[in-house]
């Protein structure tokens, strides 16, 4: 996943000895300049600097996590049952 030098700086991740196009150690990211990234707004550009792992992530990562939580909740949480409609007594 492409990540810009500015995003790494905001996340306090060292980019020493990493040139644009190189893989960043201990991550899933590749350093790319913003002007060289075709769909920049989908790249890893969101930062949560306080987390020990996954400090830089994308909108797609959030959508995947939300879908996973929704699916797990749907599978494991009890479902409410609707009461049958009242029958007319003649």
PDB file of N, CA and C in Angstrom:
ATOM      1  N   UNK A   1       0.855  -1.156   0.000  1.00  0.00           N
ATOM      2  CA  UNK A   1       0.000   0.000   0.000  1.00  0.00           C
ATOM      3  C   UNK A   1       0.908   1.228   0.000  1.00  0.00           C
ATOM      4  N   UNK A   2       0.664   2.178  -0.856  1.00  0.00           N
ATOM      5  CA  UNK A   2       1.517   3.374  -0.881  1.00  0.00           C
ATOM      6  C   UNK A   2       1.267   4.271   0.323  1.00  0.00           C
ATOM      7  N   UNK A   3       2.318   4.902   0.777  1.00  0.00           N
ATOM      8  CA  UNK A   3       2.247   5.866   1.871  1.00  0.00           C
ATOM      9  C   UNK A   3       3.222   6.998   1.549  1.00  0.00           C
ATOM     10  N   UNK A   4       2.830   8.216   1.894  1.00  0.00           N
ATOM     11  CA  UNK A   4       3.662   9.377   1.566  1.00  0.00           C
ATOM     12  C   UNK A   4       4.629   9.684   2.712  1.00  0.00           C
ATOM     13  N   UNK A   5       5.717  10.390   2.413  1.00  0.00           N
ATOM     14  CA  UNK A   5       6.651  10.784   3.475  1.00  0.00           C
ATOM     15  C   UNK A   5       5.976  11.659   4.540  1.00  0.00           C
ATOM     16  N   UNK A   6       5.034  12.507   4.142  1.00  0.00           N
ATOM     17  CA  UNK A   6       4.343  13.359   5.102  1.00  0.00           C
ATOM     18  C   UNK A   6       3.525  12.536   6.098  1.00  0.00           C
ATOM     19  N   UNK A   7       2.900  11.478   5.625  1.00  0.00           N
ATOM     20  CA  UNK A   7       2.117  10.612   6.509  1.00  0.00           C
ATOM     21  C   UNK A   7       3.035   9.897   7.499  1.00  0.00           C
ATOM     22  N   UNK A   8       4.175   9.431   7.042  1.00  0.00           N
ATOM     23  CA  UNK A   8       5.123   8.775   7.948  1.00  0.00           C
ATOM     24  C   UNK A   8       5.630   9.745   9.004  1.00  0.00           C
ATOM     25  N   UNK A   9       5.865  10.990   8.616  1.00  0.00           N
ATOM     26  CA  UNK A   9       6.314  11.989   9.585  1.00  0.00           C
ATOM     27  C   UNK A   9       5.243  12.241  10.647  1.00  0.00           C
ATOM     28  N   UNK A  10       3.974  12.321  10.225  1.00  0.00           N
ATOM     29  CA  UNK A  10       2.889  12.526  11.189  1.00  0.00           C
ATOM     30  C   UNK A  10       2.742  11.348  12.131  1.00  0.00           C
ATOM     31  N   UNK A  11       3.063  10.136  11.655  1.00  0.00           N
ATOM     32  CA  UNK A  11       2.944   8.928  12.476  1.00  0.00           C
ATOM     33  C   UNK A  11       4.201   8.653  13.293  1.00  0.00           C
ATOM     34  N   UNK A  12       5.219   9.502  13.165  1.00  0.00           N
ATOM     35  CA  UNK A  12       6.496   9.345  13.875  1.00  0.00           C
ATOM     36  C   UNK A  12       7.167   8.020  13.528  1.00  0.00           C
ATOM     37  N   UNK A  13       7.128   7.661  12.249  1.00  0.00           N
ATOM     38  CA  UNK A  13       7.791   6.453  11.759  1.00  0.00           C
ATOM     39  C   UNK A  13       9.040   6.885  11.017  1.00  0.00           C
ATOM     40  N   UNK A  14      10.162   6.318  11.393  1.00  0.00           N
ATOM     41  CA  UNK A  14      11.432   6.681  10.771  1.00  0.00           C
ATOM     42  C   UNK A  14      11.481   6.186   9.328  1.00  0.00           C
ATOM     43  N   UNK A  15      11.941   7.049   8.443  1.00  0.00           N
ATOM     44  CA  UNK A  15      12.112   6.652   7.044  1.00  0.00           C
ATOM     45  C   UNK A  15      13.566   6.788   6.620  1.00  0.00           C
ATOM     46  N   UNK A  16      14.463   6.585   7.570  1.00  0.00           N
ATOM     47  CA  UNK A  16      15.887   6.641   7.272  1.00  0.00           C
ATOM     48  C   UNK A  16      16.263   5.527   6.304  1.00  0.00           C
ATOM     49  N   UNK A  17      17.073   5.845   5.340  1.00  0.00           N
ATOM     50  CA  UNK A  17      17.559   4.895   4.324  1.00  0.00           C
ATOM     51  C   UNK A  17      16.442   4.318   3.466  1.00  0.00           C
ATOM     52  N   UNK A  18      15.314   4.988   3.365  1.00  0.00           N
ATOM     53  CA  UNK A  18      14.209   4.536   2.523  1.00  0.00           C
ATOM     54  C   UNK A  18      13.992   5.568   1.422  1.00  0.00           C
ATOM     55  N   UNK A  19      14.077   5.122   0.210  1.00  0.00           N
ATOM     56  CA  UNK A  19      13.867   5.987  -0.941  1.00  0.00           C
ATOM     57  C   UNK A  19      12.474   5.738  -1.505  1.00  0.00           C
ATOM     58  N   UNK A  20      11.900   6.704  -2.229  1.00  0.00           N
ATOM     59  CA  UNK A  20      10.591   6.462  -2.859  1.00  0.00           C
ATOM     60  C   UNK A  20      10.617   5.198  -3.725  1.00  0.00           C
ATOM     61  N   UNK A  21       9.629   4.346  -3.509  1.00  0.00           N
ATOM     62  CA  UNK A  21       9.541   3.066  -4.210  1.00  0.00           C
ATOM     63  C   UNK A  21      10.021   1.898  -3.380  1.00  0.00           C
ATOM     64  N   UNK A  22      10.666   2.172  -2.236  1.00  0.00           N
ATOM     65  CA  UNK A  22      11.175   1.116  -1.362  1.00  0.00           C
ATOM     66  C   UNK A  22      10.117   0.709  -0.335  1.00  0.00           C
ATOM     67  N   UNK A  23      10.199  -0.564   0.076  1.00  0.00           N
ATOM     68  CA  UNK A  23       9.324  -1.101   1.111  1.00  0.00           C
ATOM     69  C   UNK A  23       9.804  -0.578   2.462  1.00  0.00           C
ATOM     70  N   UNK A  24       8.879  -0.245   3.342  1.00  0.00           N
ATOM     71  CA  UNK A  24       9.205   0.232   4.679  1.00  0.00           C
ATOM     72  C   UNK A  24       9.226  -0.969   5.608  1.00  0.00           C
ATOM     73  N   UNK A  25      10.336  -1.163   6.286  1.00  0.00           N
ATOM     74  CA  UNK A  25      10.511  -2.336   7.151  1.00  0.00           C
ATOM     75  C   UNK A  25       9.422  -2.438   8.201  1.00  0.00           C
ATOM     76  N   UNK A  26       9.029  -3.668   8.491  1.00  0.00           N
ATOM     77  CA  UNK A  26       8.024  -3.984   9.525  1.00  0.00           C
ATOM     78  C   UNK A  26       6.667  -3.342   9.245  1.00  0.00           C
ATOM     79  N   UNK A  27       6.330  -3.202   7.984  1.00  0.00           N
ATOM     80  CA  UNK A  27       5.020  -2.654   7.636  1.00  0.00           C
ATOM     81  C   UNK A  27       4.560  -3.266   6.318  1.00  0.00           C
ATOM     82  N   UNK A  28       3.364  -2.880   5.904  1.00  0.00           N
ATOM     83  CA  UNK A  28       2.829  -3.335   4.625  1.00  0.00           C
ATOM     84  C   UNK A  28       2.944  -2.257   3.563  1.00  0.00           C
ATOM     85  N   UNK A  29       3.652  -1.173   3.869  1.00  0.00           N
ATOM     86  CA  UNK A  29       3.649   0.014   3.041  1.00  0.00           C
ATOM     87  C   UNK A  29       4.880   0.154   2.171  1.00  0.00           C
ATOM     88  N   UNK A  30       4.687   0.889   1.073  1.00  0.00           N
ATOM     89  CA  UNK A  30       5.760   1.271   0.164  1.00  0.00           C
ATOM     90  C   UNK A  30       5.767   2.795   0.117  1.00  0.00           C
ATOM     91  N   UNK A  31       6.934   3.381   0.272  1.00  0.00           N
ATOM     92  CA  UNK A  31       7.053   4.833   0.251  1.00  0.00           C
ATOM     93  C   UNK A  31       6.900   5.341  -1.174  1.00  0.00           C
ATOM     94  N   UNK A  32       5.926   6.218  -1.383  1.00  0.00           N
ATOM     95  CA  UNK A  32       5.706   6.821  -2.689  1.00  0.00           C
ATOM     96  C   UNK A  32       5.388   8.291  -2.493  1.00  0.00           C
ATOM     97  N   UNK A  33       5.824   9.095  -3.410  1.00  0.00           N
ATOM     98  CA  UNK A  33       5.479  10.507  -3.367  1.00  0.00           C
ATOM     99  C   UNK A  33       4.027  10.676  -3.785  1.00  0.00           C
ATOM    100  N   UNK A  34       3.384  11.692  -3.250  1.00  0.00           N
ATOM    101  CA  UNK A  34       1.956  11.893  -3.520  1.00  0.00           C
ATOM    102  C   UNK A  34       1.686  12.065  -5.012  1.00  0.00           C
ATOM    103  N   UNK A  35       2.535  12.801  -5.701  1.00  0.00           N
ATOM    104  CA  UNK A  35       2.307  13.021  -7.137  1.00  0.00           C
ATOM    105  C   UNK A  35       2.543  11.765  -7.979  1.00  0.00           C
ATOM    106  N   UNK A  36       3.171  10.742  -7.408  1.00  0.00           N
ATOM    107  CA  UNK A  36       3.394   9.486  -8.124  1.00  0.00           C
ATOM    108  C   UNK A  36       2.394   8.399  -7.745  1.00  0.00           C
ATOM    109  N   UNK A  37       1.421   8.735  -6.912  1.00  0.00           N
ATOM    110  CA  UNK A  37       0.401   7.780  -6.489  1.00  0.00           C
ATOM    111  C   UNK A  37      -0.883   8.074  -7.253  1.00  0.00           C
ATOM    112  N   UNK A  38      -1.355   7.103  -8.027  1.00  0.00           N
ATOM    113  CA  UNK A  38      -2.498   7.319  -8.915  1.00  0.00           C
ATOM    114  C   UNK A  38      -3.790   7.631  -8.168  1.00  0.00           C
ATOM    115  N   UNK A  39      -4.142   6.862  -7.176  1.00  0.00           N
ATOM    116  CA  UNK A  39      -5.383   7.077  -6.427  1.00  0.00           C
ATOM    117  C   UNK A  39      -4.983   7.375  -4.982  1.00  0.00           C
ATOM    118  N   UNK A  40      -4.440   8.564  -4.775  1.00  0.00           N
ATOM    119  CA  UNK A  40      -3.840   8.910  -3.493  1.00  0.00           C
ATOM    120  C   UNK A  40      -4.831   8.826  -2.337  1.00  0.00           C
ATOM    121  N   UNK A  41      -6.075   9.225  -2.547  1.00  0.00           N
ATOM    122  CA  UNK A  41      -7.027   9.274  -1.432  1.00  0.00           C
ATOM    123  C   UNK A  41      -7.372   7.886  -0.903  1.00  0.00           C
ATOM    124  N   UNK A  42      -7.042   6.818  -1.628  1.00  0.00           N
ATOM    125  CA  UNK A  42      -7.264   5.457  -1.136  1.00  0.00           C
ATOM    126  C   UNK A  42      -6.020   4.852  -0.482  1.00  0.00           C
ATOM    127  N   UNK A  43      -4.912   5.569  -0.489  1.00  0.00           N
ATOM    128  CA  UNK A  43      -3.679   5.038   0.095  1.00  0.00           C
ATOM    129  C   UNK A  43      -3.714   5.167   1.611  1.00  0.00           C
ATOM    130  N   UNK A  44      -2.686   4.622   2.267  1.00  0.00           N
ATOM    131  CA  UNK A  44      -2.582   4.738   3.724  1.00  0.00           C
ATOM    132  C   UNK A  44      -2.245   6.183   4.058  1.00  0.00           C
ATOM    133  N   UNK A  45      -3.228   6.921   4.543  1.00  0.00           N
ATOM    134  CA  UNK A  45      -2.993   8.331   4.864  1.00  0.00           C
ATOM    135  C   UNK A  45      -3.602   8.753   6.179  1.00  0.00           C
ATOM    136  N   UNK A  46      -4.310   7.865   6.868  1.00  0.00           N
ATOM    137  CA  UNK A  46      -4.855   8.157   8.184  1.00  0.00           C
ATOM    138  C   UNK A  46      -3.860   7.703   9.247  1.00  0.00           C
ATOM    139  N   UNK A  47      -3.719   8.494  10.306  1.00  0.00           N
ATOM    140  CA  UNK A  47      -2.681   8.235  11.298  1.00  0.00           C
ATOM    141  C   UNK A  47      -3.293   8.116  12.691  1.00  0.00           C
ATOM    142  N   UNK A  48      -2.871   7.088  13.409  1.00  0.00           N
ATOM    143  CA  UNK A  48      -3.173   6.928  14.836  1.00  0.00           C
ATOM    144  C   UNK A  48      -1.838   6.645  15.515  1.00  0.00           C
ATOM    145  N   UNK A  49      -1.110   7.701  15.824  1.00  0.00           N
ATOM    146  CA  UNK A  49       0.275   7.580  16.288  1.00  0.00           C
ATOM    147  C   UNK A  49       0.398   6.883  17.640  1.00  0.00           C
ATOM    148  N   UNK A  50      -0.684   6.807  18.425  1.00  0.00           N
ATOM    149  CA  UNK A  50      -0.603   6.208  19.755  1.00  0.00           C
ATOM    150  C   UNK A  50      -0.701   4.688  19.743  1.00  0.00           C
ATOM    151  N   UNK A  51      -1.091   4.096  18.638  1.00  0.00           N
ATOM    152  CA  UNK A  51      -1.222   2.641  18.575  1.00  0.00           C
ATOM    153  C   UNK A  51       0.145   1.995  18.406  1.00  0.00           C
ATOM    154  N   UNK A  52       0.366   0.824  19.031  1.00  0.00           N
ATOM    155  CA  UNK A  52       1.655   0.147  18.871  1.00  0.00           C
ATOM    156  C   UNK A  52       1.828  -0.466  17.477  1.00  0.00           C
ATOM    157  N   UNK A  53       0.745  -0.874  16.863  1.00  0.00           N
ATOM    158  CA  UNK A  53       0.789  -1.446  15.514  1.00  0.00           C
ATOM    159  C   UNK A  53      -0.300  -0.787  14.685  1.00  0.00           C
ATOM    160  N   UNK A  54      -0.182  -0.867  13.396  1.00  0.00           N
ATOM    161  CA  UNK A  54      -1.171  -0.281  12.477  1.00  0.00           C
ATOM    162  C   UNK A  54      -1.352   1.219  12.729  1.00  0.00           C
ATOM    163  N   UNK A  55      -0.245   1.930  12.808  1.00  0.00           N
ATOM    164  CA  UNK A  55      -0.319   3.378  13.053  1.00  0.00           C
ATOM    165  C   UNK A  55      -0.782   4.146  11.829  1.00  0.00           C
ATOM    166  N   UNK A  56      -0.570   3.585  10.658  1.00  0.00           N
ATOM    167  CA  UNK A  56      -0.976   4.237   9.411  1.00  0.00           C
ATOM    168  C   UNK A  56      -1.925   3.293   8.689  1.00  0.00           C
ATOM    169  N   UNK A  57      -3.090   3.789   8.295  1.00  0.00           N
ATOM    170  CA  UNK A  57      -4.085   2.929   7.664  1.00  0.00           C
ATOM    171  C   UNK A  57      -4.895   3.745   6.671  1.00  0.00           C
ATOM    172  N   UNK A  58      -5.745   3.057   5.930  1.00  0.00           N
ATOM    173  CA  UNK A  58      -6.517   3.709   4.865  1.00  0.00           C
ATOM    174  C   UNK A  58      -8.012   3.652   5.169  1.00  0.00           C
ATOM    175  N   UNK A  59      -8.770   4.336   4.350  1.00  0.00           N
ATOM    176  CA  UNK A  59     -10.230   4.305   4.457  1.00  0.00           C
ATOM    177  C   UNK A  59     -10.734   2.882   4.212  1.00  0.00           C
ATOM    178  N   UNK A  60     -10.121   2.184   3.289  1.00  0.00           N
ATOM    179  CA  UNK A  60     -10.496   0.799   3.010  1.00  0.00           C
ATOM    180  C   UNK A  60     -10.288  -0.106   4.205  1.00  0.00           C
ATOM    181  N   UNK A  61      -9.221   0.130   4.970  1.00  0.00           N
ATOM    182  CA  UNK A  61      -8.991  -0.649   6.191  1.00  0.00           C
ATOM    183  C   UNK A  61     -10.122  -0.434   7.192  1.00  0.00           C
ATOM    184  N   UNK A  62     -10.603   0.805   7.302  1.00  0.00           N
ATOM    185  CA  UNK A  62     -11.718   1.093   8.205  1.00  0.00           C
ATOM    186  C   UNK A  62     -13.001   0.404   7.741  1.00  0.00           C
ATOM    187  N   UNK A  63     -13.238   0.407   6.429  1.00  0.00           N
ATOM    188  CA  UNK A  63     -14.427  -0.260   5.900  1.00  0.00           C
ATOM    189  C   UNK A  63     -14.373  -1.768   6.133  1.00  0.00           C
ATOM    190  N   UNK A  64     -13.209  -2.352   5.949  1.00  0.00           N
ATOM    191  CA  UNK A  64     -13.046  -3.791   6.190  1.00  0.00           C
ATOM    192  C   UNK A  64     -13.276  -4.102   7.670  1.00  0.00           C
ATOM    193  N   UNK A  65     -12.694  -3.303   8.572  1.00  0.00           N
ATOM    194  CA  UNK A  65     -12.873  -3.530  10.011  1.00  0.00           C
ATOM    195  C   UNK A  65     -14.342  -3.368  10.401  1.00  0.00           C
ATOM    196  N   UNK A  66     -15.021  -2.367   9.848  1.00  0.00           N
ATOM    197  CA  UNK A  66     -16.437  -2.178  10.140  1.00  0.00           C
ATOM    198  C   UNK A  66     -17.280  -3.333   9.647  1.00  0.00           C
ATOM    199  N   UNK A  67     -16.995  -3.827   8.459  1.00  0.00           N
ATOM    200  CA  UNK A  67     -17.721  -4.976   7.927  1.00  0.00           C
ATOM    201  C   UNK A  67     -17.481  -6.230   8.740  1.00  0.00           C
ATOM    202  N   UNK A  68     -16.254  -6.398   9.214  1.00  0.00           N
ATOM    203  CA  UNK A  68     -15.938  -7.549  10.059  1.00  0.00           C
ATOM    204  C   UNK A  68     -16.689  -7.476  11.386  1.00  0.00           C
ATOM    205  N   UNK A  69     -16.699  -6.292  12.000  1.00  0.00           N
ATOM    206  CA  UNK A  69     -17.448  -6.132  13.257  1.00  0.00           C
ATOM    207  C   UNK A  69     -18.943  -6.370  13.054  1.00  0.00           C
ATOM    208  N   UNK A  70     -19.498  -5.849  11.972  1.00  0.00           N
ATOM    209  CA  UNK A  70     -20.912  -6.053  11.673  1.00  0.00           C
ATOM    210  C   UNK A  70     -21.224  -7.534  11.488  1.00  0.00           C
ATOM    211  N   UNK A  71     -20.373  -8.226  10.739  1.00  0.00           N
ATOM    212  CA  UNK A  71     -20.590  -9.655  10.485  1.00  0.00           C
ATOM    213  C   UNK A  71     -20.480 -10.469  11.772  1.00  0.00           C
ATOM    214  N   UNK A  72     -19.455 -10.204  12.578  1.00  0.00           N
ATOM    215  CA  UNK A  72     -19.294 -10.941  13.830  1.00  0.00           C
ATOM    216  C   UNK A  72     -20.445 -10.647  14.789  1.00  0.00           C
ATOM    217  N   UNK A  73     -20.868  -9.400  14.852  1.00  0.00           N
ATOM    218  CA  UNK A  73     -22.014  -9.065  15.691  1.00  0.00           C
ATOM    219  C   UNK A  73     -23.275  -9.756  15.229  1.00  0.00           C
ATOM    220  N   UNK A  74     -23.465  -9.827  13.928  1.00  0.00           N
ATOM    221  CA  UNK A  74     -24.641 -10.482  13.361  1.00  0.00           C
ATOM    222  C   UNK A  74     -24.619 -11.986  13.625  1.00  0.00           C
ATOM    223  N   UNK A  75     -23.434 -12.573  13.660  1.00  0.00           N
ATOM    224  CA  UNK A  75     -23.316 -14.011  13.885  1.00  0.00           C
ATOM    225  C   UNK A  75     -23.479 -14.396  15.356  1.00  0.00           C
ATOM    226  N   UNK A  76     -22.930 -13.586  16.263  1.00  0.00           N
ATOM    227  CA  UNK A  76     -22.827 -14.008  17.651  1.00  0.00           C
ATOM    228  C   UNK A  76     -23.786 -13.328  18.617  1.00  0.00           C
ATOM    229  N   UNK A  77     -24.353 -12.198  18.275  1.00  0.00           N
ATOM    230  CA  UNK A  77     -25.278 -11.545  19.186  1.00  0.00           C
ATOM    231  C   UNK A  77     -26.672 -12.131  19.010  1.00  0.00           C
ATOM    232  N   UNK A  78     -27.424 -12.220  20.095  1.00  0.00           N
ATOM    233  CA  UNK A  78     -28.776 -12.784  19.967  1.00  0.00           C
ATOM    234  C   UNK A  78     -29.669 -11.869  19.136  1.00  0.00           C
ATOM    235  N   UNK A  79     -30.563 -12.488  18.412  1.00  0.00           N
ATOM    236  CA  UNK A  79     -31.491 -11.724  17.569  1.00  0.00           C
ATOM    237  C   UNK A  79     -32.818 -11.575  18.281  1.00  0.00           C
ATOM    238  N   UNK A  80     -33.460 -10.450  18.066  1.00  0.00           N
ATOM    239  CA  UNK A  80     -34.795 -10.229  18.622  1.00  0.00           C
ATOM    240  C   UNK A  80     -35.810 -10.886  17.710  1.00  0.00           C
ATOM    241  N   UNK A  81     -36.742 -11.583  18.309  1.00  0.00           N
ATOM    242  CA  UNK A  81     -37.792 -12.209  17.515  1.00  0.00           C
ATOM    243  C   UNK A  81     -39.039 -11.342  17.585  1.00  0.00           C
ATOM    244  N   UNK A  82     -39.716 -11.217  16.485  1.00  0.00           N
ATOM    245  CA  UNK A  82     -40.941 -10.422  16.473  1.00  0.00           C
ATOM    246  C   UNK A  82     -42.106 -11.294  16.885  1.00  0.00           C
ATOM    247  N   UNK A  83     -43.016 -10.691  17.588  1.00  0.00           N
ATOM    248  CA  UNK A  83     -44.196 -11.422  18.024  1.00  0.00           C
ATOM    249  C   UNK A  83     -45.122 -11.617  16.832  1.00  0.00           C
ATOM    250  N   UNK A  84     -45.822 -12.743  16.756  1.00  0.00           N
ATOM    251  CA  UNK A  84     -46.745 -12.952  15.640  1.00  0.00           C
ATOM    252  C   UNK A  84     -47.902 -11.947  15.750  1.00  0.00           C
ATOM    253  N   UNK A  85     -48.423 -11.519  14.627  1.00  0.00           N
ATOM    254  CA  UNK A  85     -49.533 -10.552  14.676  1.00  0.00           C
ATOM    255  C   UNK A  85     -50.755 -11.176  15.358  1.00  0.00           C
ATOM    256  N   UNK A  86     -51.508 -10.337  16.034  1.00  0.00           N
ATOM    257  CA  UNK A  86     -52.732 -10.815  16.707  1.00  0.00           C
ATOM    258  C   UNK A  86     -53.731 -11.302  15.670  1.00  0.00           C
ATOM    259  N   UNK A  87     -54.389 -12.388  15.993  1.00  0.00           N
ATOM    260  CA  UNK A  87     -55.395 -12.928  15.072  1.00  0.00           C
ATOM    261  C   UNK A  87     -56.756 -12.391  15.474  1.00  0.00           C
ATOM    262  N   UNK A  88     -57.527 -12.068  14.502  1.00  0.00           N
ATOM    263  CA  UNK A  88     -58.878 -11.601  14.770  1.00  0.00           C
ATOM    264  C   UNK A  88     -59.756 -12.785  15.175  1.00  0.00           C
ATOM    265  N   UNK A  89     -60.460 -12.623  16.245  1.00  0.00           N
ATOM    266  CA  UNK A  89     -61.364 -13.684  16.724  1.00  0.00           C
ATOM    267  C   UNK A  89     -62.772 -13.300  16.260  1.00  0.00           C
ATOM    268  N   UNK A  90     -63.420 -14.201  15.543  1.00  0.00           N
ATOM    269  CA  UNK A  90     -64.767 -13.884  15.087  1.00  0.00           C
ATOM    270  C   UNK A  90     -65.824 -14.521  15.930  1.00  0.00           C
TER     271      UNK A  90
END
